Amino acid sequence: MKVTIGAVCDPGTAMENKTGGWRTFMPVFDYDKCIRCAICEIACPDMCIYPDPATANDKGKCLYKANYDYCKGCGICANECPKDVITMTLEEK
């Protein structure tokens, strides 16, 4: 998709443009600490943290994962996590 200066993208095309390629740090989860509160999902400005249904407990609460295709490595999720589940780690490419 070519975007010219001053142009507006067509609706529903944001998923075509993967934005995680310039990330320096990536979130790494320590699931042993996770209380499944969803604050990381709520805090993520790119909505790239999502619940993993395969990890649902008996109350239906899931653990969370990051979609690294869209994660920019901003660290907001790690900063907001009340249990320090997320560590921003230098990404090796």
PDB file of N, CA and C in Angstrom:
ATOM      1  N   MET A   1       0.845  -1.174   0.000  1.00  0.00           N
ATOM      2  CA  MET A   1       0.000   0.000   0.000  1.00  0.00           C
ATOM      3  C   MET A   1       0.890   1.238   0.000  1.00  0.00           C
ATOM      4  N   LYS A   2       0.698   2.114  -0.935  1.00  0.00           N
ATOM      5  CA  LYS A   2       1.469   3.345  -1.012  1.00  0.00           C
ATOM      6  C   LYS A   2       0.666   4.466  -0.359  1.00  0.00           C
ATOM      7  N   VAL A   3       1.325   5.205   0.529  1.00  0.00           N
ATOM      8  CA  VAL A   3       0.680   6.331   1.196  1.00  0.00           C
ATOM      9  C   VAL A   3       1.438   7.591   0.809  1.00  0.00           C
ATOM     10  N   THR A   4       0.726   8.541   0.253  1.00  0.00           N
ATOM     11  CA  THR A   4       1.354   9.800  -0.134  1.00  0.00           C
ATOM     12  C   THR A   4       1.152  10.832   0.969  1.00  0.00           C
ATOM     13  N   ILE A   5       1.933  11.902   0.921  1.00  0.00           N
ATOM     14  CA  ILE A   5       1.828  12.947   1.939  1.00  0.00           C
ATOM     15  C   ILE A   5       0.422  13.532   1.927  1.00  0.00           C
ATOM     16  N   GLY A   6      -0.158  13.626   3.110  1.00  0.00           N
ATOM     17  CA  GLY A   6      -1.499  14.170   3.240  1.00  0.00           C
ATOM     18  C   GLY A   6      -2.603  13.171   2.959  1.00  0.00           C
ATOM     19  N   ALA A   7      -2.238  11.946   2.645  1.00  0.00           N
ATOM     20  CA  ALA A   7      -3.240  10.933   2.321  1.00  0.00           C
ATOM     21  C   ALA A   7      -3.805  10.309   3.589  1.00  0.00           C
ATOM     22  N   VAL A   8      -4.949   9.713   3.441  1.00  0.00           N
ATOM     23  CA  VAL A   8      -5.597   8.983   4.524  1.00  0.00           C
ATOM     24  C   VAL A   8      -5.694   7.528   4.091  1.00  0.00           C
ATOM     25  N   CYS A   9      -5.344   6.628   4.986  1.00  0.00           N
ATOM     26  CA  CYS A   9      -5.409   5.191   4.666  1.00  0.00           C
ATOM     27  C   CYS A   9      -6.856   4.740   4.568  1.00  0.00           C
ATOM     28  N   ASP A  10      -7.082   3.758   3.756  1.00  0.00           N
ATOM     29  CA  ASP A  10      -8.411   3.173   3.652  1.00  0.00           C
ATOM     30  C   ASP A  10      -8.780   2.504   4.968  1.00  0.00           C
ATOM     31  N   PRO A  11     -10.065   2.500   5.338  1.00  0.00           N
ATOM     32  CA  PRO A  11     -10.488   1.858   6.577  1.00  0.00           C
ATOM     33  C   PRO A  11     -10.123   0.374   6.593  1.00  0.00           C
ATOM     34  N   GLY A  12      -9.683  -0.096   7.744  1.00  0.00           N
ATOM     35  CA  GLY A  12      -9.402  -1.520   7.912  1.00  0.00           C
ATOM     36  C   GLY A  12      -8.074  -1.989   7.362  1.00  0.00           C
ATOM     37  N   THR A  13      -7.190  -1.072   6.991  1.00  0.00           N
ATOM     38  CA  THR A  13      -5.917  -1.488   6.398  1.00  0.00           C
ATOM     39  C   THR A  13      -4.739  -1.403   7.363  1.00  0.00           C
ATOM     40  N   ALA A  14      -4.959  -0.989   8.586  1.00  0.00           N
ATOM     41  CA  ALA A  14      -3.852  -0.821   9.537  1.00  0.00           C
ATOM     42  C   ALA A  14      -3.118  -2.131   9.798  1.00  0.00           C
ATOM     43  N   MET A  15      -3.803  -3.260   9.749  1.00  0.00           N
ATOM     44  CA  MET A  15      -3.165  -4.546  10.003  1.00  0.00           C
ATOM     45  C   MET A  15      -2.194  -4.924   8.886  1.00  0.00           C
ATOM     46  N   GLU A  16      -2.298  -4.289   7.735  1.00  0.00           N
ATOM     47  CA  GLU A  16      -1.384  -4.578   6.628  1.00  0.00           C
ATOM     48  C   GLU A  16       0.011  -4.012   6.883  1.00  0.00           C
ATOM     49  N   ASN A  17       0.095  -2.998   7.725  1.00  0.00           N
ATOM     50  CA  ASN A  17       1.358  -2.304   7.970  1.00  0.00           C
ATOM     51  C   ASN A  17       1.934  -2.729   9.315  1.00  0.00           C
ATOM     52  N   LYS A  18       2.804  -3.709   9.298  1.00  0.00           N
ATOM     53  CA  LYS A  18       3.413  -4.197  10.537  1.00  0.00           C
ATOM     54  C   LYS A  18       4.392  -3.145  11.039  1.00  0.00           C
ATOM     55  N   THR A  19       4.225  -2.759  12.292  1.00  0.00           N
ATOM     56  CA  THR A  19       4.968  -1.623  12.830  1.00  0.00           C
ATOM     57  C   THR A  19       6.026  -2.012  13.860  1.00  0.00           C
ATOM     58  N   GLY A  20       6.221  -3.285  14.111  1.00  0.00           N
ATOM     59  CA  GLY A  20       7.172  -3.707  15.131  1.00  0.00           C
ATOM     60  C   GLY A  20       8.595  -3.847  14.652  1.00  0.00           C
ATOM     61  N   GLY A  21       8.852  -3.596  13.388  1.00  0.00           N
ATOM     62  CA  GLY A  21      10.173  -3.830  12.818  1.00  0.00           C
ATOM     63  C   GLY A  21      11.281  -2.935  13.340  1.00  0.00           C
ATOM     64  N   TRP A  22      10.948  -1.774  13.878  1.00  0.00           N
ATOM     65  CA  TRP A  22      11.982  -0.863  14.347  1.00  0.00           C
ATOM     66  C   TRP A  22      12.157  -0.919  15.858  1.00  0.00           C
ATOM     67  N   ARG A  23      11.505  -1.884  16.490  1.00  0.00           N
ATOM     68  CA  ARG A  23      11.567  -2.035  17.948  1.00  0.00           C
ATOM     69  C   ARG A  23      12.997  -2.358  18.397  1.00  0.00           C
ATOM     70  N   THR A  24      13.439  -1.769  19.514  1.00  0.00           N
ATOM     71  CA  THR A  24      14.741  -2.063  20.107  1.00  0.00           C
ATOM     72  C   THR A  24      14.584  -2.986  21.309  1.00  0.00           C
ATOM     73  N   PHE A  25      13.560  -2.725  22.116  1.00  0.00           N
ATOM     74  CA  PHE A  25      13.276  -3.552  23.286  1.00  0.00           C
ATOM     75  C   PHE A  25      11.959  -4.281  23.086  1.00  0.00           C
ATOM     76  N   MET A  26      11.875  -5.481  23.618  1.00  0.00           N
ATOM     77  CA  MET A  26      10.646  -6.261  23.497  1.00  0.00           C
ATOM     78  C   MET A  26      10.186  -6.715  24.881  1.00  0.00           C
ATOM     79  N   PRO A  27       8.868  -6.796  25.098  1.00  0.00           N
ATOM     80  CA  PRO A  27       8.368  -7.250  26.385  1.00  0.00           C
ATOM     81  C   PRO A  27       8.497  -8.769  26.518  1.00  0.00           C
ATOM     82  N   VAL A  28       9.020  -9.200  27.657  1.00  0.00           N
ATOM     83  CA  VAL A  28       9.133 -10.623  27.970  1.00  0.00           C
ATOM     84  C   VAL A  28       8.336 -10.850  29.251  1.00  0.00           C
ATOM     85  N   PHE A  29       7.464 -11.843  29.231  1.00  0.00           N
ATOM     86  CA  PHE A  29       6.537 -12.091  30.329  1.00  0.00           C
ATOM     87  C   PHE A  29       7.048 -13.189  31.260  1.00  0.00           C
ATOM     88  N   ASP A  30       6.943 -12.971  32.579  1.00  0.00           N
ATOM     89  CA  ASP A  30       7.232 -13.993  33.592  1.00  0.00           C
ATOM     90  C   ASP A  30       5.876 -14.449  34.124  1.00  0.00           C
ATOM     91  N   TYR A  31       5.337 -15.494  33.530  1.00  0.00           N
ATOM     92  CA  TYR A  31       3.973 -15.913  33.830  1.00  0.00           C
ATOM     93  C   TYR A  31       3.788 -16.435  35.247  1.00  0.00           C
ATOM     94  N   ASP A  32       4.866 -16.781  35.939  1.00  0.00           N
ATOM     95  CA  ASP A  32       4.745 -17.225  37.326  1.00  0.00           C
ATOM     96  C   ASP A  32       4.285 -16.090  38.240  1.00  0.00           C
ATOM     97  N   LYS A  33       4.528 -14.848  37.840  1.00  0.00           N
ATOM     98  CA  LYS A  33       4.131 -13.685  38.638  1.00  0.00           C
ATOM     99  C   LYS A  33       2.762 -13.128  38.243  1.00  0.00           C
ATOM    100  N   CYS A  34       2.276 -13.495  37.070  1.00  0.00           N
ATOM    101  CA  CYS A  34       1.078 -12.868  36.497  1.00  0.00           C
ATOM    102  C   CYS A  34      -0.185 -13.179  37.300  1.00  0.00           C
ATOM    103  N   ILE A  35      -0.949 -12.125  37.626  1.00  0.00           N
ATOM    104  CA  ILE A  35      -2.221 -12.293  38.332  1.00  0.00           C
ATOM    105  C   ILE A  35      -3.410 -12.143  37.374  1.00  0.00           C
ATOM    106  N   ARG A  36      -3.134 -12.035  36.088  1.00  0.00           N
ATOM    107  CA  ARG A  36      -4.154 -11.984  35.032  1.00  0.00           C
ATOM    108  C   ARG A  36      -5.107 -10.795  35.188  1.00  0.00           C
ATOM    109  N   CYS A  37      -4.542  -9.647  35.516  1.00  0.00           N
ATOM    110  CA  CYS A  37      -5.358  -8.460  35.786  1.00  0.00           C
ATOM    111  C   CYS A  37      -5.728  -7.672  34.527  1.00  0.00           C
ATOM    112  N   ALA A  38      -5.032  -7.899  33.427  1.00  0.00           N
ATOM    113  CA  ALA A  38      -5.291  -7.261  32.130  1.00  0.00           C
ATOM    114  C   ALA A  38      -4.835  -5.808  32.047  1.00  0.00           C
ATOM    115  N   ILE A  39      -4.107  -5.321  33.037  1.00  0.00           N
ATOM    116  CA  ILE A  39      -3.639  -3.936  32.976  1.00  0.00           C
ATOM    117  C   ILE A  39      -2.700  -3.736  31.791  1.00  0.00           C
ATOM    118  N   CYS A  40      -1.879  -4.731  31.489  1.00  0.00           N
ATOM    119  CA  CYS A  40      -0.968  -4.612  30.340  1.00  0.00           C
ATOM    120  C   CYS A  40      -1.753  -4.444  29.038  1.00  0.00           C
ATOM    121  N   GLU A  41      -2.810  -5.209  28.902  1.00  0.00           N
ATOM    122  CA  GLU A  41      -3.640  -5.119  27.692  1.00  0.00           C
ATOM    123  C   GLU A  41      -4.296  -3.747  27.593  1.00  0.00           C
ATOM    124  N   ILE A  42      -4.798  -3.259  28.699  1.00  0.00           N
ATOM    125  CA  ILE A  42      -5.478  -1.962  28.723  1.00  0.00           C
ATOM    126  C   ILE A  42      -4.500  -0.824  28.441  1.00  0.00           C
ATOM    127  N   ALA A  43      -3.283  -0.922  28.980  1.00  0.00           N
ATOM    128  CA  ALA A  43      -2.299   0.157  28.860  1.00  0.00           C
ATOM    129  C   ALA A  43      -1.641   0.242  27.491  1.00  0.00           C
ATOM    130  N   CYS A  44      -1.619  -0.839  26.739  1.00  0.00           N
ATOM    131  CA  CYS A  44      -0.900  -0.867  25.464  1.00  0.00           C
ATOM    132  C   CYS A  44      -1.538   0.092  24.448  1.00  0.00           C
ATOM    133  N   PRO A  45      -0.789   1.110  24.003  1.00  0.00           N
ATOM    134  CA  PRO A  45      -1.358   2.064  23.058  1.00  0.00           C
ATOM    135  C   PRO A  45      -1.564   1.490  21.654  1.00  0.00           C
ATOM    136  N   ASP A  46      -0.902   0.390  21.348  1.00  0.00           N
ATOM    137  CA  ASP A  46      -1.033  -0.218  20.026  1.00  0.00           C
ATOM    138  C   ASP A  46      -1.952  -1.431  20.018  1.00  0.00           C
ATOM    139  N   MET A  47      -2.513  -1.748  21.170  1.00  0.00           N
ATOM    140  CA  MET A  47      -3.434  -2.887  21.304  1.00  0.00           C
ATOM    141  C   MET A  47      -2.804  -4.182  20.808  1.00  0.00           C
ATOM    142  N   CYS A  48      -1.513  -4.359  21.073  1.00  0.00           N
ATOM    143  CA  CYS A  48      -0.845  -5.572  20.608  1.00  0.00           C
ATOM    144  C   CYS A  48      -0.699  -6.619  21.710  1.00  0.00           C
ATOM    145  N   ILE A  49      -1.156  -6.325  22.923  1.00  0.00           N
ATOM    146  CA  ILE A  49      -1.166  -7.324  23.987  1.00  0.00           C
ATOM    147  C   ILE A  49      -2.574  -7.890  24.053  1.00  0.00           C
ATOM    148  N   TYR A  50      -2.649  -9.211  24.051  1.00  0.00           N
ATOM    149  CA  TYR A  50      -3.950  -9.861  23.961  1.00  0.00           C
ATOM    150  C   TYR A  50      -3.997 -11.095  24.865  1.00  0.00           C
ATOM    151  N   PRO A  51      -5.211 -11.480  25.310  1.00  0.00           N
ATOM    152  CA  PRO A  51      -5.343 -12.685  26.135  1.00  0.00           C
ATOM    153  C   PRO A  51      -5.182 -13.943  25.284  1.00  0.00           C
ATOM    154  N   ASP A  52      -4.514 -14.926  25.844  1.00  0.00           N
ATOM    155  CA  ASP A  52      -4.325 -16.212  25.165  1.00  0.00           C
ATOM    156  C   ASP A  52      -5.357 -17.197  25.709  1.00  0.00           C
ATOM    157  N   PRO A  53      -6.413 -17.497  24.953  1.00  0.00           N
ATOM    158  CA  PRO A  53      -7.480 -18.377  25.439  1.00  0.00           C
ATOM    159  C   PRO A  53      -6.991 -19.755  25.869  1.00  0.00           C
ATOM    160  N   ALA A  54      -5.889 -20.213  25.322  1.00  0.00           N
ATOM    161  CA  ALA A  54      -5.362 -21.536  25.681  1.00  0.00           C
ATOM    162  C   ALA A  54      -4.859 -21.575  27.119  1.00  0.00           C
ATOM    163  N   THR A  55      -4.678 -20.404  27.738  1.00  0.00           N
ATOM    164  CA  THR A  55      -4.158 -20.352  29.107  1.00  0.00           C
ATOM    165  C   THR A  55      -5.228 -20.021  30.139  1.00  0.00           C
ATOM    166  N   ALA A  56      -6.491 -20.063  29.748  1.00  0.00           N
ATOM    167  CA  ALA A  56      -7.576 -19.699  30.667  1.00  0.00           C
ATOM    168  C   ALA A  56      -7.582 -20.608  31.890  1.00  0.00           C
ATOM    169  N   ASN A  57      -7.763 -19.983  33.056  1.00  0.00           N
ATOM    170  CA  ASN A  57      -7.863 -20.774  34.281  1.00  0.00           C
ATOM    171  C   ASN A  57      -9.321 -21.145  34.535  1.00  0.00           C
ATOM    172  N   ASP A  58      -9.613 -21.720  35.691  1.00  0.00           N
ATOM    173  CA  ASP A  58     -10.977 -22.174  35.980  1.00  0.00           C
ATOM    174  C   ASP A  58     -11.972 -21.019  36.083  1.00  0.00           C
ATOM    175  N   LYS A  59     -11.493 -19.794  36.238  1.00  0.00           N
ATOM    176  CA  LYS A  59     -12.364 -18.622  36.274  1.00  0.00           C
ATOM    177  C   LYS A  59     -12.454 -17.935  34.914  1.00  0.00           C
ATOM    178  N   GLY A  60     -11.791 -18.507  33.915  1.00  0.00           N
ATOM    179  CA  GLY A  60     -11.824 -17.956  32.569  1.00  0.00           C
ATOM    180  C   GLY A  60     -10.828 -16.843  32.316  1.00  0.00           C
ATOM    181  N   LYS A  61      -9.957 -16.563  33.283  1.00  0.00           N
ATOM    182  CA  LYS A  61      -8.952 -15.508  33.099  1.00  0.00           C
ATOM    183  C   LYS A  61      -7.727 -16.080  32.408  1.00  0.00           C
ATOM    184  N   CYS A  62      -7.221 -15.332  31.444  1.00  0.00           N
ATOM    185  CA  CYS A  62      -6.111 -15.798  30.605  1.00  0.00           C
ATOM    186  C   CYS A  62      -4.808 -15.091  30.951  1.00  0.00           C
ATOM    187  N   LEU A  63      -3.717 -15.691  30.515  1.00  0.00           N
ATOM    188  CA  LEU A  63      -2.429 -15.017  30.511  1.00  0.00           C
ATOM    189  C   LEU A  63      -2.363 -14.183  29.233  1.00  0.00           C
ATOM    190  N   TYR A  64      -1.426 -13.262  29.172  1.00  0.00           N
ATOM    191  CA  TYR A  64      -1.358 -12.333  28.047  1.00  0.00           C
ATOM    192  C   TYR A  64      -0.092 -12.526  27.232  1.00  0.00           C
ATOM    193  N   LYS A  65      -0.198 -12.229  25.962  1.00  0.00           N
ATOM    194  CA  LYS A  65       0.922 -12.315  25.027  1.00  0.00           C
ATOM    195  C   LYS A  65       1.009 -11.004  24.257  1.00  0.00           C
ATOM    196  N   ALA A  66       2.157 -10.776  23.648  1.00  0.00           N
ATOM    197  CA  ALA A  66       2.329  -9.598  22.794  1.00  0.00           C
ATOM    198  C   ALA A  66       2.432 -10.048  21.346  1.00  0.00           C
ATOM    199  N   ASN A  67       1.768  -9.328  20.477  1.00  0.00           N
ATOM    200  CA  ASN A  67       1.900  -9.558  19.045  1.00  0.00           C
ATOM    201  C   ASN A  67       3.100  -8.732  18.585  1.00  0.00           C
ATOM    202  N   TYR A  68       4.233  -9.403  18.419  1.00  0.00           N
ATOM    203  CA  TYR A  68       5.481  -8.712  18.107  1.00  0.00           C
ATOM    204  C   TYR A  68       5.502  -8.105  16.707  1.00  0.00           C
ATOM    205  N   ASP A  69       4.541  -8.439  15.871  1.00  0.00           N
ATOM    206  CA  ASP A  69       4.453  -7.791  14.557  1.00  0.00           C
ATOM    207  C   ASP A  69       4.086  -6.314  14.701  1.00  0.00           C
ATOM    208  N   TYR A  70       3.397  -5.972  15.790  1.00  0.00           N
ATOM    209  CA  TYR A  70       2.908  -4.611  15.973  1.00  0.00           C
ATOM    210  C   TYR A  70       3.464  -3.916  17.209  1.00  0.00           C
ATOM    211  N   CYS A  71       4.081  -4.654  18.122  1.00  0.00           N
ATOM    212  CA  CYS A  71       4.651  -4.066  19.339  1.00  0.00           C
ATOM    213  C   CYS A  71       5.837  -3.180  18.974  1.00  0.00           C
ATOM    214  N   LYS A  72       5.812  -1.936  19.456  1.00  0.00           N
ATOM    215  CA  LYS A  72       6.895  -0.994  19.167  1.00  0.00           C
ATOM    216  C   LYS A  72       7.931  -0.953  20.280  1.00  0.00           C
ATOM    217  N   GLY A  73       7.697  -1.707  21.359  1.00  0.00           N
ATOM    218  CA  GLY A  73       8.666  -1.760  22.450  1.00  0.00           C
ATOM    219  C   GLY A  73       8.689  -0.521  23.319  1.00  0.00           C
ATOM    220  N   CYS A  74       7.564   0.149  23.458  1.00  0.00           N
ATOM    221  CA  CYS A  74       7.521   1.402  24.216  1.00  0.00           C
ATOM    222  C   CYS A  74       7.695   1.194  25.719  1.00  0.00           C
ATOM    223  N   GLY A  75       7.320   0.020  26.228  1.00  0.00           N
ATOM    224  CA  GLY A  75       7.501  -0.287  27.639  1.00  0.00           C
ATOM    225  C   GLY A  75       6.385   0.158  28.557  1.00  0.00           C
ATOM    226  N   ILE A  76       5.327   0.705  28.015  1.00  0.00           N
ATOM    227  CA  ILE A  76       4.214   1.144  28.855  1.00  0.00           C
ATOM    228  C   ILE A  76       3.612  -0.042  29.601  1.00  0.00           C
ATOM    229  N   CYS A  77       3.494  -1.176  28.946  1.00  0.00           N
ATOM    230  CA  CYS A  77       2.941  -2.372  29.596  1.00  0.00           C
ATOM    231  C   CYS A  77       3.778  -2.762  30.811  1.00  0.00           C
ATOM    232  N   ALA A  78       5.097  -2.749  30.670  1.00  0.00           N
ATOM    233  CA  ALA A  78       5.997  -3.110  31.770  1.00  0.00           C
ATOM    234  C   ALA A  78       5.911  -2.092  32.896  1.00  0.00           C
ATOM    235  N   ASN A  79       5.789  -0.831  32.542  1.00  0.00           N
ATOM    236  CA  ASN A  79       5.704   0.225  33.545  1.00  0.00           C
ATOM    237  C   ASN A  79       4.412   0.138  34.351  1.00  0.00           C
ATOM    238  N   GLU A  80       3.319  -0.243  33.714  1.00  0.00           N
ATOM    239  CA  GLU A  80       2.017  -0.276  34.374  1.00  0.00           C
ATOM    240  C   GLU A  80       1.731  -1.578  35.117  1.00  0.00           C
ATOM    241  N   CYS A  81       2.444  -2.639  34.822  1.00  0.00           N
ATOM    242  CA  CYS A  81       2.180  -3.940  35.448  1.00  0.00           C
ATOM    243  C   CYS A  81       2.432  -3.869  36.959  1.00  0.00           C
ATOM    244  N   PRO A  82       1.414  -4.172  37.787  1.00  0.00           N
ATOM    245  CA  PRO A  82       1.578  -4.065  39.238  1.00  0.00           C
ATOM    246  C   PRO A  82       2.453  -5.160  39.851  1.00  0.00           C
ATOM    247  N   LYS A  83       2.715  -6.219  39.132  1.00  0.00           N
ATOM    248  CA  LYS A  83       3.494  -7.343  39.660  1.00  0.00           C
ATOM    249  C   LYS A  83       4.840  -7.521  38.964  1.00  0.00           C
ATOM    250  N   ASP A  84       5.250  -6.563  38.156  1.00  0.00           N
ATOM    251  CA  ASP A  84       6.529  -6.634  37.427  1.00  0.00           C
ATOM    252  C   ASP A  84       6.678  -7.929  36.633  1.00  0.00           C
ATOM    253  N   VAL A  85       5.603  -8.307  35.967  1.00  0.00           N
ATOM    254  CA  VAL A  85       5.593  -9.517  35.142  1.00  0.00           C
ATOM    255  C   VAL A  85       6.396  -9.300  33.862  1.00  0.00           C
ATOM    256  N   ILE A  86       6.365  -8.083  33.347  1.00  0.00           N
ATOM    257  CA  ILE A  86       6.947  -7.785  32.040  1.00  0.00           C
ATOM    258  C   ILE A  86       8.293  -7.086  32.198  1.00  0.00           C
ATOM    259  N   THR A  87       9.285  -7.633  31.536  1.00  0.00           N
ATOM    260  CA  THR A  87      10.615  -7.041  31.497  1.00  0.00           C
ATOM    261  C   THR A  87      10.908  -6.643  30.060  1.00  0.00           C
ATOM    262  N   MET A  88      11.354  -5.418  29.870  1.00  0.00           N
ATOM    263  CA  MET A  88      11.729  -4.972  28.535  1.00  0.00           C
ATOM    264  C   MET A  88      13.165  -5.423  28.291  1.00  0.00           C
ATOM    265  N   THR A  89      13.322  -6.302  27.315  1.00  0.00           N
ATOM    266  CA  THR A  89      14.603  -6.935  27.025  1.00  0.00           C
ATOM    267  C   THR A  89      15.117  -6.472  25.669  1.00  0.00           C
ATOM    268  N   LEU A  90      16.407  -6.210  25.593  1.00  0.00           N
ATOM    269  CA  LEU A  90      17.010  -5.804  24.329  1.00  0.00           C
ATOM    270  C   LEU A  90      16.796  -6.900  23.296  1.00  0.00           C
ATOM    271  N   GLU A  91      16.208  -6.520  22.178  1.00  0.00           N
ATOM    272  CA  GLU A  91      15.909  -7.503  21.134  1.00  0.00           C
ATOM    273  C   GLU A  91      17.131  -7.735  20.264  1.00  0.00           C
ATOM    274  N   GLU A  92      17.433  -8.995  20.042  1.00  0.00           N
ATOM    275  CA  GLU A  92      18.541  -9.355  19.159  1.00  0.00           C
ATOM    276  C   GLU A  92      17.971  -9.756  17.816  1.00  0.00           C
ATOM    277  N   LYS A  93      18.442  -9.113  16.767  1.00  0.00           N
ATOM    278  CA  LYS A  93      17.903  -9.403  15.434  1.00  0.00           C
ATOM    279  C   LYS A  93      18.909 -10.140  14.607  1.00  0.00           C
TER     280      LYS A  93
END
